[in-house]
PDB file of all heavy atoms in Angstrom:
ATOM      1  N   ARG A   1    -110.279  33.359-109.574  1.00  0.00           N
ATOM      2  CA  ARG A   1    -109.804  32.375-108.690  1.00  0.00           C
ATOM      3  C   ARG A   1    -109.293  32.882-107.341  1.00  0.00           C
ATOM      4  O   ARG A   1    -109.600  32.345-106.270  1.00  0.00           O
ATOM      5  CB  ARG A   1    -108.674  31.549-109.383  1.00  0.00           C
ATOM      6  CG  ARG A   1    -107.995  30.459-108.448  1.00  0.00           C
ATOM      7  CD  ARG A   1    -107.014  29.610-109.245  1.00  0.00           C
ATOM      8  NE  ARG A   1    -106.094  30.459-110.038  1.00  0.00           N
ATOM      9  CZ  ARG A   1    -105.034  31.110-109.503  1.00  0.00           C
ATOM     10  NH1 ARG A   1    -104.826  31.072-108.229  1.00  0.00           N
ATOM     11  NH2 ARG A   1    -104.291  31.850-110.282  1.00  0.00           N
ATOM     12  N   ILE A   2    -108.580  34.018-107.466  1.00  0.00           N
ATOM     13  CA  ILE A   2    -108.084  34.694-106.198  1.00  0.00           C
ATOM     14  C   ILE A   2    -109.301  35.148-105.399  1.00  0.00           C
ATOM     15  O   ILE A   2    -109.288  34.982-104.130  1.00  0.00           O
ATOM     16  CB  ILE A   2    -107.171  35.865-106.574  1.00  0.00           C
ATOM     17  CG1 ILE A   2    -105.895  35.360-107.201  1.00  0.00           C
ATOM     18  CG2 ILE A   2    -106.852  36.732-105.321  1.00  0.00           C
ATOM     19  CD1 ILE A   2    -105.002  36.401-107.789  1.00  0.00           C
ATOM     20  N   LEU A   3    -110.278  35.749-105.993  1.00  0.00           N
ATOM     21  CA  LEU A   3    -111.530  36.182-105.293  1.00  0.00           C
ATOM     22  C   LEU A   3    -112.195  34.988-104.605  1.00  0.00           C
ATOM     23  O   LEU A   3    -112.657  35.092-103.489  1.00  0.00           O
ATOM     24  CB  LEU A   3    -112.456  36.913-106.197  1.00  0.00           C
ATOM     25  CG  LEU A   3    -112.008  38.344-106.572  1.00  0.00           C
ATOM     26  CD1 LEU A   3    -113.051  39.008-107.524  1.00  0.00           C
ATOM     27  CD2 LEU A   3    -111.887  39.264-105.368  1.00  0.00           C
ATOM     28  N   SER A   4    -112.257  33.874-105.376  1.00  0.00           N
ATOM     29  CA  SER A   4    -112.947  32.675-104.858  1.00  0.00           C
ATOM     30  C   SER A   4    -112.218  32.184-103.600  1.00  0.00           C
ATOM     31  O   SER A   4    -112.836  31.765-102.588  1.00  0.00           O
ATOM     32  CB  SER A   4    -112.962  31.561-105.913  1.00  0.00           C
ATOM     33  OG  SER A   4    -113.808  31.969-106.987  1.00  0.00           O
ATOM     34  N   ASP A   5    -110.850  32.182-103.633  1.00  0.00           N
ATOM     35  CA  ASP A   5    -110.045  31.742-102.475  1.00  0.00           C
ATOM     36  C   ASP A   5    -110.362  32.693-101.284  1.00  0.00           C
ATOM     37  O   ASP A   5    -110.491  32.219-100.148  1.00  0.00           O
ATOM     38  CB  ASP A   5    -108.535  31.797-102.840  1.00  0.00           C
ATOM     39  CG  ASP A   5    -108.155  30.707-103.823  1.00  0.00           C
ATOM     40  OD1 ASP A   5    -108.961  29.763-103.994  1.00  0.00           O
ATOM     41  OD2 ASP A   5    -107.110  30.806-104.385  1.00  0.00           O
ATOM     42  N   LYS A   6    -110.418  34.017-101.537  1.00  0.00           N
ATOM     43  CA  LYS A   6    -110.705  34.942-100.437  1.00  0.00           C
ATOM     44  C   LYS A   6    -112.102  34.738 -99.861  1.00  0.00           C
ATOM     45  O   LYS A   6    -112.276  34.798 -98.628  1.00  0.00           O
ATOM     46  CB  LYS A   6    -110.571  36.419-100.936  1.00  0.00           C
ATOM     47  CG  LYS A   6    -109.079  36.773-101.188  1.00  0.00           C
ATOM     48  CD  LYS A   6    -109.004  38.249-101.678  1.00  0.00           C
ATOM     49  CE  LYS A   6    -107.585  38.641-101.886  1.00  0.00           C
ATOM     50  NZ  LYS A   6    -107.445  40.043-102.364  1.00  0.00           N
ATOM     51  N   ILE A   7    -113.071  34.456-100.743  1.00  0.00           N
ATOM     52  CA  ILE A   7    -114.432  34.211-100.337  1.00  0.00           C
ATOM     53  C   ILE A   7    -114.485  32.981 -99.433  1.00  0.00           C
ATOM     54  O   ILE A   7    -115.163  32.931 -98.400  1.00  0.00           O
ATOM     55  CB  ILE A   7    -115.340  34.075-101.585  1.00  0.00           C
ATOM     56  CG1 ILE A   7    -115.584  35.452-102.194  1.00  0.00           C
ATOM     57  CG2 ILE A   7    -116.683  33.479-101.081  1.00  0.00           C
ATOM     58  CD1 ILE A   7    -116.317  35.426-103.557  1.00  0.00           C
ATOM     59  N   THR A   8    -113.782  31.926 -99.876  1.00  0.00           N
ATOM     60  CA  THR A   8    -113.727  30.689 -99.074  1.00  0.00           C
ATOM     61  C   THR A   8    -113.131  30.957 -97.693  1.00  0.00           C
ATOM     62  O   THR A   8    -113.670  30.473 -96.676  1.00  0.00           O
ATOM     63  CB  THR A   8    -112.922  29.625 -99.764  1.00  0.00           C
ATOM     64  OG1 THR A   8    -113.495  29.426-101.094  1.00  0.00           O
ATOM     65  CG2 THR A   8    -112.859  28.320 -99.011  1.00  0.00           C
ATOM     66  N   ARG A   9    -112.059  31.765 -97.655  1.00  0.00           N
ATOM     67  CA  ARG A   9    -111.378  32.066 -96.382  1.00  0.00           C
ATOM     68  C   ARG A   9    -112.384  32.920 -95.480  1.00  0.00           C
ATOM     69  O   ARG A   9    -112.469  32.580 -94.273  1.00  0.00           O
ATOM     70  CB  ARG A   9    -110.081  32.829 -96.617  1.00  0.00           C
ATOM     71  CG  ARG A   9    -109.422  33.344 -95.340  1.00  0.00           C
ATOM     72  CD  ARG A   9    -108.151  34.099 -95.604  1.00  0.00           C
ATOM     73  NE  ARG A   9    -108.403  35.243 -96.545  1.00  0.00           N
ATOM     74  CZ  ARG A   9    -108.896  36.461 -96.159  1.00  0.00           C
ATOM     75  NH1 ARG A   9    -109.314  36.616 -94.853  1.00  0.00           N
ATOM     76  NH2 ARG A   9    -109.088  37.403 -96.994  1.00  0.00           N
ATOM     77  N   LEU A  10    -112.955  33.847 -96.039  1.00  0.00           N
ATOM     78  CA  LEU A  10    -113.956  34.657 -95.292  1.00  0.00           C
ATOM     79  C   LEU A  10    -115.115  33.833 -94.713  1.00  0.00           C
ATOM     80  O   LEU A  10    -115.532  34.039 -93.588  1.00  0.00           O
ATOM     81  CB  LEU A  10    -114.517  35.773 -96.138  1.00  0.00           C
ATOM     82  CG  LEU A  10    -113.583  37.003 -96.320  1.00  0.00           C
ATOM     83  CD1 LEU A  10    -114.126  37.953 -97.370  1.00  0.00           C
ATOM     84  CD2 LEU A  10    -113.334  37.725 -95.028  1.00  0.00           C
ATOM     85  N   LYS A  11    -115.624  32.908 -95.510  1.00  0.00           N
ATOM     86  CA  LYS A  11    -116.713  32.045 -95.076  1.00  0.00           C
ATOM     87  C   LYS A  11    -116.225  31.190 -93.873  1.00  0.00           C
ATOM     88  O   LYS A  11    -117.037  31.010 -92.972  1.00  0.00           O
ATOM     89  CB  LYS A  11    -117.160  31.141 -96.193  1.00  0.00           C
ATOM     90  CG  LYS A  11    -118.027  31.883 -97.231  1.00  0.00           C
ATOM     91  CD  LYS A  11    -118.516  30.929 -98.356  1.00  0.00           C
ATOM     92  CE  LYS A  11    -119.460  31.647 -99.324  1.00  0.00           C
ATOM     93  NZ  LYS A  11    -119.875  30.785-100.410  1.00  0.00           N
ATOM     94  N   ARG A  12    -114.978  30.729 -93.901  1.00  0.00           N
ATOM     95  CA  ARG A  12    -114.503  29.957 -92.785  1.00  0.00           C
ATOM     96  C   ARG A  12    -114.421  30.836 -91.519  1.00  0.00           C
ATOM     97  O   ARG A  12    -114.754  30.431 -90.416  1.00  0.00           O
ATOM     98  CB  ARG A  12    -113.140  29.392 -93.092  1.00  0.00           C
ATOM     99  CG  ARG A  12    -113.146  28.134 -93.984  1.00  0.00           C
ATOM    100  CD  ARG A  12    -111.897  27.320 -93.882  1.00  0.00           C
ATOM    101  NE  ARG A  12    -110.732  28.107 -94.313  1.00  0.00           N
ATOM    102  CZ  ARG A  12    -110.207  28.165 -95.578  1.00  0.00           C
ATOM    103  NH1 ARG A  12    -110.756  27.389 -96.436  1.00  0.00           N
ATOM    104  NH2 ARG A  12    -109.202  28.904 -95.860  1.00  0.00           N
ATOM    105  N   GLU A  13    -113.901  32.035 -91.719  1.00  0.00           N
ATOM    106  CA  GLU A  13    -113.825  32.933 -90.509  1.00  0.00           C
ATOM    107  C   GLU A  13    -115.188  33.317 -90.032  1.00  0.00           C
ATOM    108  O   GLU A  13    -115.439  33.372 -88.780  1.00  0.00           O
ATOM    109  CB  GLU A  13    -113.100  34.257 -90.937  1.00  0.00           C
ATOM    110  CG  GLU A  13    -111.612  34.113 -91.232  1.00  0.00           C
ATOM    111  CD  GLU A  13    -110.957  35.464 -91.508  1.00  0.00           C
ATOM    112  OE1 GLU A  13    -111.265  36.422 -90.817  1.00  0.00           O
ATOM    113  OE2 GLU A  13    -110.129  35.531 -92.431  1.00  0.00           O
ATOM    114  N   LEU A  14    -116.157  33.493 -90.954  1.00  0.00           N
ATOM    115  CA  LEU A  14    -117.494  33.838 -90.552  1.00  0.00           C
ATOM    116  C   LEU A  14    -118.171  32.654 -89.868  1.00  0.00           C
ATOM    117  O   LEU A  14    -118.992  32.852 -88.909  1.00  0.00           O
ATOM    118  CB  LEU A  14    -118.295  34.291 -91.777  1.00  0.00           C
ATOM    119  CG  LEU A  14    -119.574  35.068 -91.531  1.00  0.00           C
ATOM    120  CD1 LEU A  14    -119.303  36.277 -90.626  1.00  0.00           C
ATOM    121  CD2 LEU A  14    -120.209  35.498 -92.806  1.00  0.00           C
ATOM    122  N   GLU A  15    -117.873  31.495 -90.271  1.00  0.00           N
ATOM    123  CA  GLU A  15    -118.406  30.272 -89.576  1.00  0.00           C
ATOM    124  C   GLU A  15    -117.974  30.231 -88.128  1.00  0.00           C
ATOM    125  O   GLU A  15    -118.726  29.895 -87.217  1.00  0.00           O
ATOM    126  CB  GLU A  15    -118.013  28.978 -90.303  1.00  0.00           C
ATOM    127  CG  GLU A  15    -118.790  28.732 -91.580  1.00  0.00           C
ATOM    128  CD  GLU A  15    -118.193  27.564 -92.390  1.00  0.00           C
ATOM    129  OE1 GLU A  15    -117.311  26.921 -91.827  1.00  0.00           O
ATOM    130  OE2 GLU A  15    -118.684  27.321 -93.459  1.00  0.00           O
ATOM    131  N   THR A  16    -116.729  30.600 -87.889  1.00  0.00           N
ATOM    132  CA  THR A  16    -116.181  30.669 -86.510  1.00  0.00           C
ATOM    133  C   THR A  16    -116.918  31.693 -85.712  1.00  0.00           C
ATOM    134  O   THR A  16    -117.377  31.401 -84.531  1.00  0.00           O
ATOM    135  CB  THR A  16    -114.700  30.985 -86.493  1.00  0.00           C
ATOM    136  OG1 THR A  16    -113.954  30.043 -87.255  1.00  0.00           O
ATOM    137  CG2 THR A  16    -114.111  31.013 -85.113  1.00  0.00           C
ATOM    138  N   VAL A  17    -117.169  32.840 -86.269  1.00  0.00           N
ATOM    139  CA  VAL A  17    -117.918  33.913 -85.547  1.00  0.00           C
ATOM    140  C   VAL A  17    -119.357  33.449 -85.342  1.00  0.00           C
ATOM    141  O   VAL A  17    -119.964  33.682 -84.260  1.00  0.00           O
ATOM    142  CB  VAL A  17    -117.904  35.189 -86.319  1.00  0.00           C
ATOM    143  CG1 VAL A  17    -118.657  36.294 -85.625  1.00  0.00           C
ATOM    144  CG2 VAL A  17    -116.416  35.677 -86.473  1.00  0.00           C
ATOM    145  N   THR A  18    -119.939  32.817 -86.286  1.00  0.00           N
ATOM    146  CA  THR A  18    -121.330  32.315 -86.224  1.00  0.00           C
ATOM    147  C   THR A  18    -121.418  31.258 -85.142  1.00  0.00           C
ATOM    148  O   THR A  18    -122.405  31.312 -84.363  1.00  0.00           O
ATOM    149  CB  THR A  18    -121.792  31.721 -87.548  1.00  0.00           C
ATOM    150  OG1 THR A  18    -121.608  32.720 -88.627  1.00  0.00           O
ATOM    151  CG2 THR A  18    -123.218  31.272 -87.523  1.00  0.00           C
ATOM    152  N   ARG A  19    -120.449  30.402 -85.032  1.00  0.00           N
ATOM    153  CA  ARG A  19    -120.448  29.398 -83.916  1.00  0.00           C
ATOM    154  C   ARG A  19    -120.405  30.080 -82.514  1.00  0.00           C
ATOM    155  O   ARG A  19    -121.089  29.664 -81.610  1.00  0.00           O
ATOM    156  CB  ARG A  19    -119.245  28.397 -84.057  1.00  0.00           C
ATOM    157  CG  ARG A  19    -119.505  27.367 -85.146  1.00  0.00           C
ATOM    158  CD  ARG A  19    -118.561  26.245 -84.993  1.00  0.00           C
ATOM    159  NE  ARG A  19    -117.156  26.633 -85.204  1.00  0.00           N
ATOM    160  CZ  ARG A  19    -116.572  26.637 -86.368  1.00  0.00           C
ATOM    161  NH1 ARG A  19    -117.241  26.286 -87.461  1.00  0.00           N
ATOM    162  NH2 ARG A  19    -115.311  27.035 -86.480  1.00  0.00           N
ATOM    163  N   THR A  20    -119.638  31.175 -82.465  1.00  0.00           N
ATOM    164  CA  THR A  20    -119.604  31.932 -81.177  1.00  0.00           C
ATOM    165  C   THR A  20    -120.909  32.512 -80.890  1.00  0.00           C
ATOM    166  O   THR A  20    -121.446  32.518 -79.776  1.00  0.00           O
ATOM    167  CB  THR A  20    -118.525  33.002 -81.309  1.00  0.00           C
ATOM    168  OG1 THR A  20    -117.223  32.441 -81.606  1.00  0.00           O
ATOM    169  CG2 THR A  20    -118.376  33.753 -79.993  1.00  0.00           C
ATOM    170  N   ARG A  21    -121.560  33.097 -81.936  1.00  0.00           N
ATOM    171  CA  ARG A  21    -122.906  33.685 -81.764  1.00  0.00           C
ATOM    172  C   ARG A  21    -123.923  32.654 -81.305  1.00  0.00           C
ATOM    173  O   ARG A  21    -124.736  32.900 -80.454  1.00  0.00           O
ATOM    174  CB  ARG A  21    -123.375  34.384 -83.026  1.00  0.00           C
ATOM    175  CG  ARG A  21    -124.691  35.077 -82.885  1.00  0.00           C
ATOM    176  CD  ARG A  21    -125.082  35.774 -84.199  1.00  0.00           C
ATOM    177  NE  ARG A  21    -124.265  36.942 -84.423  1.00  0.00           N
ATOM    178  CZ  ARG A  21    -124.485  38.154 -83.816  1.00  0.00           C
ATOM    179  NH1 ARG A  21    -125.577  38.236 -82.985  1.00  0.00           N
ATOM    180  NH2 ARG A  21    -123.779  39.177 -84.050  1.00  0.00           N
ATOM    181  N   GLU A  22    -123.803  31.442 -81.910  1.00  0.00           N
ATOM    182  CA  GLU A  22    -124.709  30.352 -81.534  1.00  0.00           C
ATOM    183  C   GLU A  22    -124.476  29.917 -80.084  1.00  0.00           C
ATOM    184  O   GLU A  22    -125.423  29.600 -79.409  1.00  0.00           O
ATOM    185  CB  GLU A  22    -124.555  29.213 -82.491  1.00  0.00           C
ATOM    186  CG  GLU A  22    -125.356  27.910 -82.167  1.00  0.00           C
ATOM    187  CD  GLU A  22    -126.852  28.290 -82.044  1.00  0.00           C
ATOM    188  OE1 GLU A  22    -127.402  29.098 -82.748  1.00  0.00           O
ATOM    189  OE2 GLU A  22    -127.535  27.585 -81.206  1.00  0.00           O
ATOM    190  N   LEU A  23    -123.220  29.963 -79.673  1.00  0.00           N
ATOM    191  CA  LEU A  23    -122.903  29.632 -78.265  1.00  0.00           C
ATOM    192  C   LEU A  23    -123.554  30.641 -77.324  1.00  0.00           C
ATOM    193  O   LEU A  23    -124.141  30.252 -76.294  1.00  0.00           O
ATOM    194  CB  LEU A  23    -121.383  29.630 -78.047  1.00  0.00           C
ATOM    195  CG  LEU A  23    -120.870  29.256 -76.644  1.00  0.00           C
ATOM    196  CD1 LEU A  23    -121.276  27.825 -76.303  1.00  0.00           C
ATOM    197  CD2 LEU A  23    -119.331  29.383 -76.612  1.00  0.00           C
ATOM    198  N   HIS A  24    -123.505  31.909 -77.779  1.00  0.00           N
ATOM    199  CA  HIS A  24    -124.137  32.990 -76.918  1.00  0.00           C
ATOM    200  C   HIS A  24    -125.641  32.745 -76.888  1.00  0.00           C
ATOM    201  O   HIS A  24    -126.276  32.894 -75.802  1.00  0.00           O
ATOM    202  CB  HIS A  24    -123.846  34.314 -77.509  1.00  0.00           C
ATOM    203  CG  HIS A  24    -122.379  34.745 -77.368  1.00  0.00           C
ATOM    204  ND1 HIS A  24    -121.834  35.774 -78.098  1.00  0.00           N
ATOM    205  CD2 HIS A  24    -121.409  34.202 -76.614  1.00  0.00           C
ATOM    206  CE1 HIS A  24    -120.566  35.870 -77.792  1.00  0.00           C
ATOM    207  NE2 HIS A  24    -120.326  34.990 -76.899  1.00  0.00           N
ATOM    208  N   ARG A  25    -126.238  32.335 -78.016  1.00  0.00           N
ATOM    209  CA  ARG A  25    -127.669  32.064 -77.997  1.00  0.00           C
ATOM    210  C   ARG A  25    -128.013  30.876 -77.085  1.00  0.00           C
ATOM    211  O   ARG A  25    -128.978  30.908 -76.361  1.00  0.00           O
ATOM    212  CB  ARG A  25    -128.122  31.707 -79.458  1.00  0.00           C
ATOM    213  CG  ARG A  25    -128.174  32.837 -80.448  1.00  0.00           C
ATOM    214  CD  ARG A  25    -129.010  32.531 -81.611  1.00  0.00           C
ATOM    215  NE  ARG A  25    -128.819  33.433 -82.711  1.00  0.00           N
ATOM    216  CZ  ARG A  25    -128.122  33.181 -83.755  1.00  0.00           C
ATOM    217  NH1 ARG A  25    -127.547  32.085 -83.981  1.00  0.00           N
ATOM    218  NH2 ARG A  25    -128.008  34.179 -84.714  1.00  0.00           N
ATOM    219  N   ARG A  26    -127.153  29.857 -77.162  1.00  0.00           N
ATOM    220  CA  ARG A  26    -127.377  28.688 -76.269  1.00  0.00           C
ATOM    221  C   ARG A  26    -127.320  29.051 -74.780  1.00  0.00           C
ATOM    222  O   ARG A  26    -128.163  28.615 -74.012  1.00  0.00           O
ATOM    223  CB  ARG A  26    -126.351  27.623 -76.623  1.00  0.00           C
ATOM    224  CG  ARG A  26    -126.765  26.191 -76.265  1.00  0.00           C
ATOM    225  CD  ARG A  26    -125.779  25.195 -76.758  1.00  0.00           C
ATOM    226  NE  ARG A  26    -125.515  25.300 -78.192  1.00  0.00           N
ATOM    227  CZ  ARG A  26    -124.329  25.145 -78.765  1.00  0.00           C
ATOM    228  NH1 ARG A  26    -123.256  24.959 -77.952  1.00  0.00           N
ATOM    229  NH2 ARG A  26    -124.189  25.206 -79.992  1.00  0.00           N
ATOM    230  N   ASN A  27    -126.433  29.958 -74.455  1.00  0.00           N
ATOM    231  CA  ASN A  27    -126.321  30.390 -73.061  1.00  0.00           C
ATOM    232  C   ASN A  27    -127.538  31.201 -72.704  1.00  0.00           C
ATOM    233  O   ASN A  27    -128.029  31.129 -71.524  1.00  0.00           O
ATOM    234  CB  ASN A  27    -125.025  31.258 -72.901  1.00  0.00           C
ATOM    235  CG  ASN A  27    -123.743  30.424 -72.938  1.00  0.00           C
ATOM    236  OD1 ASN A  27    -123.800  29.208 -72.713  1.00  0.00           O
ATOM    237  ND2 ASN A  27    -122.657  31.003 -73.312  1.00  0.00           N
ATOM    238  N   ARG A  28    -128.056  32.025 -73.635  1.00  0.00           N
ATOM    239  CA  ARG A  28    -129.231  32.814 -73.369  1.00  0.00           C
ATOM    240  C   ARG A  28    -130.467  31.905 -73.160  1.00  0.00           C
ATOM    241  O   ARG A  28    -131.356  32.195 -72.361  1.00  0.00           O
ATOM    242  CB  ARG A  28    -129.536  33.780 -74.481  1.00  0.00           C
ATOM    243  CG  ARG A  28    -128.584  35.001 -74.446  1.00  0.00           C
ATOM    244  CD  ARG A  28    -129.223  36.124 -75.267  1.00  0.00           C
ATOM    245  NE  ARG A  28    -129.448  35.825 -76.676  1.00  0.00           N
ATOM    246  CZ  ARG A  28    -128.535  35.988 -77.619  1.00  0.00           C
ATOM    247  NH1 ARG A  28    -127.344  36.512 -77.295  1.00  0.00           N
ATOM    248  NH2 ARG A  28    -128.826  35.704 -78.896  1.00  0.00           N
ATOM    249  N   ARG A  29    -130.526  30.773 -73.877  1.00  0.00           N
ATOM    250  CA  ARG A  29    -131.634  29.864 -73.720  1.00  0.00           C
ATOM    251  C   ARG A  29    -131.669  29.272 -72.316  1.00  0.00           C
ATOM    252  O   ARG A  29    -132.695  28.935 -71.776  1.00  0.00           O
ATOM    253  CB  ARG A  29    -131.529  28.732 -74.763  1.00  0.00           C
ATOM    254  CG  ARG A  29    -131.779  29.172 -76.176  1.00  0.00           C
ATOM    255  CD  ARG A  29    -131.885  27.997 -77.134  1.00  0.00           C
ATOM    256  NE  ARG A  29    -131.673  28.444 -78.509  1.00  0.00           N
ATOM    257  CZ  ARG A  29    -130.600  28.078 -79.196  1.00  0.00           C
ATOM    258  NH1 ARG A  29    -129.609  27.345 -78.682  1.00  0.00           N
ATOM    259  NH2 ARG A  29    -130.447  28.543 -80.487  1.00  0.00           N
ATOM    260  N   LYS A  30    -130.433  29.130 -71.708  1.00  0.00           N
ATOM    261  CA  LYS A  30    -130.406  28.519 -70.376  1.00  0.00           C
ATOM    262  C   LYS A  30    -130.969  29.554 -69.317  1.00  0.00           C
ATOM    263  O   LYS A  30    -131.486  29.192 -68.314  1.00  0.00           O
ATOM    264  CB  LYS A  30    -128.906  28.195 -70.027  1.00  0.00           C
ATOM    265  CG  LYS A  30    -128.321  27.022 -70.819  1.00  0.00           C
ATOM    266  CD  LYS A  30    -126.923  26.809 -70.445  1.00  0.00           C
ATOM    267  CE  LYS A  30    -126.270  25.733 -71.312  1.00  0.00           C
ATOM    268  NZ  LYS A  30    -124.853  25.501 -70.964  1.00  0.00           N
ATOM    269  N   VAL A  31    -130.786  30.802 -69.649  1.00  0.00           N
ATOM    270  CA  VAL A  31    -131.397  31.856 -68.816  1.00  0.00           C
ATOM    271  C   VAL A  31    -132.752  32.248 -69.448  1.00  0.00           C
ATOM    272  O   VAL A  31    -132.830  32.652 -70.575  1.00  0.00           O
ATOM    273  CB  VAL A  31    -130.500  33.184 -68.730  1.00  0.00           C
ATOM    274  CG1 VAL A  31    -131.180  34.232 -67.893  1.00  0.00           C
ATOM    275  CG2 VAL A  31    -129.137  32.776 -68.289  1.00  0.00           C
ATOM    276  N   PRO A  32    -133.830  31.895 -68.779  1.00  0.00           N
ATOM    277  CA  PRO A  32    -135.180  31.903 -69.411  1.00  0.00           C
ATOM    278  C   PRO A  32    -135.728  33.290 -69.652  1.00  0.00           C
ATOM    279  O   PRO A  32    -136.782  33.628 -69.206  1.00  0.00           O
ATOM    280  CB  PRO A  32    -136.015  31.117 -68.442  1.00  0.00           C
ATOM    281  CG  PRO A  32    -135.458  31.428 -67.121  1.00  0.00           C
ATOM    282  CD  PRO A  32    -133.934  31.548 -67.358  1.00  0.00           C
ATOM    283  N   HIS A  33    -134.979  34.162 -70.253  1.00  0.00           N
ATOM    284  CA  HIS A  33    -135.518  35.500 -70.602  1.00  0.00           C
ATOM    285  C   HIS A  33    -135.991  35.483 -72.047  1.00  0.00           C
ATOM    286  O   HIS A  33    -135.164  35.182 -72.965  1.00  0.00           O
ATOM    287  CB  HIS A  33    -134.439  36.597 -70.373  1.00  0.00           C
ATOM    288  CG  HIS A  33    -133.913  36.667 -69.055  1.00  0.00           C
ATOM    289  ND1 HIS A  33    -134.721  36.515 -67.916  1.00  0.00           N
ATOM    290  CD2 HIS A  33    -132.687  36.966 -68.533  1.00  0.00           C
ATOM    291  CE1 HIS A  33    -134.004  36.715 -66.823  1.00  0.00           C
ATOM    292  NE2 HIS A  33    -132.754  36.921 -67.163  1.00  0.00           N
ATOM    293  N   PRO A  34    -137.245  35.768 -72.292  1.00  0.00           N
ATOM    294  CA  PRO A  34    -137.715  35.760 -73.667  1.00  0.00           C
ATOM    295  C   PRO A  34    -136.962  36.839 -74.496  1.00  0.00           C
ATOM    296  O   PRO A  34    -136.504  37.892 -73.938  1.00  0.00           O
ATOM    297  CB  PRO A  34    -139.184  36.171 -73.519  1.00  0.00           C
ATOM    298  CG  PRO A  34    -139.494  35.952 -72.117  1.00  0.00           C
ATOM    299  CD  PRO A  34    -138.244  36.096 -71.329  1.00  0.00           C
ATOM    300  N   ILE A  35    -136.828  36.578 -75.806  1.00  0.00           N
ATOM    301  CA  ILE A  35    -136.155  37.527 -76.723  1.00  0.00           C
ATOM    302  C   ILE A  35    -137.214  38.181 -77.567  1.00  0.00           C
ATOM    303  O   ILE A  35    -138.038  37.498 -78.151  1.00  0.00           O
ATOM    304  CB  ILE A  35    -135.151  36.784 -77.568  1.00  0.00           C
ATOM    305  CG1 ILE A  35    -133.998  36.210 -76.719  1.00  0.00           C
ATOM    306  CG2 ILE A  35    -134.565  37.701 -78.653  1.00  0.00           C
ATOM    307  CD1 ILE A  35    -133.061  35.324 -77.501  1.00  0.00           C
ATOM    308  N   VAL A  36    -137.193  39.492 -77.621  1.00  0.00           N
ATOM    309  CA  VAL A  36    -138.034  40.287 -78.430  1.00  0.00           C
ATOM    310  C   VAL A  36    -137.156  40.981 -79.466  1.00  0.00           C
ATOM    311  O   VAL A  36    -136.299  41.785 -79.101  1.00  0.00           O
ATOM    312  CB  VAL A  36    -138.806  41.348 -77.604  1.00  0.00           C
ATOM    313  CG1 VAL A  36    -139.668  42.238 -78.489  1.00  0.00           C
ATOM    314  CG2 VAL A  36    -139.689  40.603 -76.564  1.00  0.00           C
ATOM    315  N   ALA A  37    -137.397  40.779 -80.778  1.00  0.00           N
ATOM    316  CA  ALA A  37    -136.556  41.366 -81.820  1.00  0.00           C
ATOM    317  C   ALA A  37    -137.305  42.485 -82.521  1.00  0.00           C
ATOM    318  O   ALA A  37    -138.485  42.337 -82.883  1.00  0.00           O
ATOM    319  CB  ALA A  37    -136.200  40.258 -82.837  1.00  0.00           C
ATOM    320  N   LEU A  38    -136.617  43.565 -82.698  1.00  0.00           N
ATOM    321  CA  LEU A  38    -137.095  44.667 -83.449  1.00  0.00           C
ATOM    322  C   LEU A  38    -136.698  44.533 -84.958  1.00  0.00           C
ATOM    323  O   LEU A  38    -135.516  44.350 -85.269  1.00  0.00           O
ATOM    324  CB  LEU A  38    -136.554  45.998 -82.959  1.00  0.00           C
ATOM    325  CG  LEU A  38    -136.985  46.393 -81.570  1.00  0.00           C
ATOM    326  CD1 LEU A  38    -136.127  47.674 -81.108  1.00  0.00           C
ATOM    327  CD2 LEU A  38    -138.403  46.806 -81.484  1.00  0.00           C
ATOM    328  N   VAL A  39    -137.693  44.526 -85.830  1.00  0.00           N
ATOM    329  CA  VAL A  39    -137.336  44.485 -87.272  1.00  0.00           C
ATOM    330  C   VAL A  39    -138.116  45.585 -87.958  1.00  0.00           C
ATOM    331  O   VAL A  39    -139.115  46.186 -87.357  1.00  0.00           O
ATOM    332  CB  VAL A  39    -137.748  43.168 -87.930  1.00  0.00           C
ATOM    333  CG1 VAL A  39    -137.027  41.967 -87.236  1.00  0.00           C
ATOM    334  CG2 VAL A  39    -139.232  42.892 -87.877  1.00  0.00           C
ATOM    335  N   GLY A  40    -137.765  45.943 -89.155  1.00  0.00           N
ATOM    336  CA  GLY A  40    -138.469  46.962 -89.870  1.00  0.00           C
ATOM    337  C   GLY A  40    -137.639  47.528 -91.002  1.00  0.00           C
ATOM    338  O   GLY A  40    -136.448  47.276 -91.168  1.00  0.00           O
ATOM    339  N   TYR A  41    -138.299  48.399 -91.806  1.00  0.00           N
ATOM    340  CA  TYR A  41    -137.620  49.019 -92.919  1.00  0.00           C
ATOM    341  C   TYR A  41    -136.661  50.048 -92.334  1.00  0.00           C
ATOM    342  O   TYR A  41    -136.860  50.549 -91.234  1.00  0.00           O
ATOM    343  CB  TYR A  41    -138.661  49.796 -93.756  1.00  0.00           C
ATOM    344  CG  TYR A  41    -138.261  50.000 -95.179  1.00  0.00           C
ATOM    345  CD1 TYR A  41    -138.468  48.994 -96.144  1.00  0.00           C
ATOM    346  CD2 TYR A  41    -137.743  51.184 -95.634  1.00  0.00           C
ATOM    347  CE1 TYR A  41    -138.119  49.152 -97.365  1.00  0.00           C
ATOM    348  CE2 TYR A  41    -137.398  51.340 -96.947  1.00  0.00           C
ATOM    349  CZ  TYR A  41    -137.571  50.353 -97.815  1.00  0.00           C
ATOM    350  OH  TYR A  41    -137.211  50.539 -99.168  1.00  0.00           O
ATOM    351  N   THR A  42    -135.551  50.242 -93.021  1.00  0.00           N
ATOM    352  CA  THR A  42    -134.524  51.128 -92.529  1.00  0.00           C
ATOM    353  C   THR A  42    -135.165  52.554 -92.332  1.00  0.00           C
ATOM    354  O   THR A  42    -135.945  53.015 -93.157  1.00  0.00           O
ATOM    355  CB  THR A  42    -133.313  51.174 -93.490  1.00  0.00           C
ATOM    356  OG1 THR A  42    -132.334  52.012 -92.882  1.00  0.00           O
ATOM    357  CG2 THR A  42    -133.656  51.709 -94.864  1.00  0.00           C
ATOM    358  N   ASN A  43    -134.753  53.207 -91.302  1.00  0.00           N
ATOM    359  CA  ASN A  43    -135.226  54.566 -90.969  1.00  0.00           C
ATOM    360  C   ASN A  43    -136.700  54.574 -90.506  1.00  0.00           C
ATOM    361  O   ASN A  43    -137.335  55.598 -90.432  1.00  0.00           O
ATOM    362  CB  ASN A  43    -135.064  55.539 -92.103  1.00  0.00           C
ATOM    363  CG  ASN A  43    -134.801  56.986 -91.666  1.00  0.00           C
ATOM    364  OD1 ASN A  43    -134.282  57.163 -90.591  1.00  0.00           O
ATOM    365  ND2 ASN A  43    -135.240  57.943 -92.445  1.00  0.00           N
ATOM    366  N   ALA A  44    -137.220  53.421 -90.089  1.00  0.00           N
ATOM    367  CA  ALA A  44    -138.573  53.365 -89.554  1.00  0.00           C
ATOM    368  C   ALA A  44    -138.628  53.763 -88.067  1.00  0.00           C
ATOM    369  O   ALA A  44    -139.694  54.034 -87.547  1.00  0.00           O
ATOM    370  CB  ALA A  44    -139.165  51.979 -89.679  1.00  0.00           C
TER     371      ALA A  44
END
């Protein structure tokens, strides 16, 4: 139960950070620079 409470609290904090990240994304969309993402296996 204690771990569940901590997980719930962390999810709320992470949602706040996620909203901030989404705000940054929205601001980037206003500036029409295409986004190129690098993905790959670790150590590639």
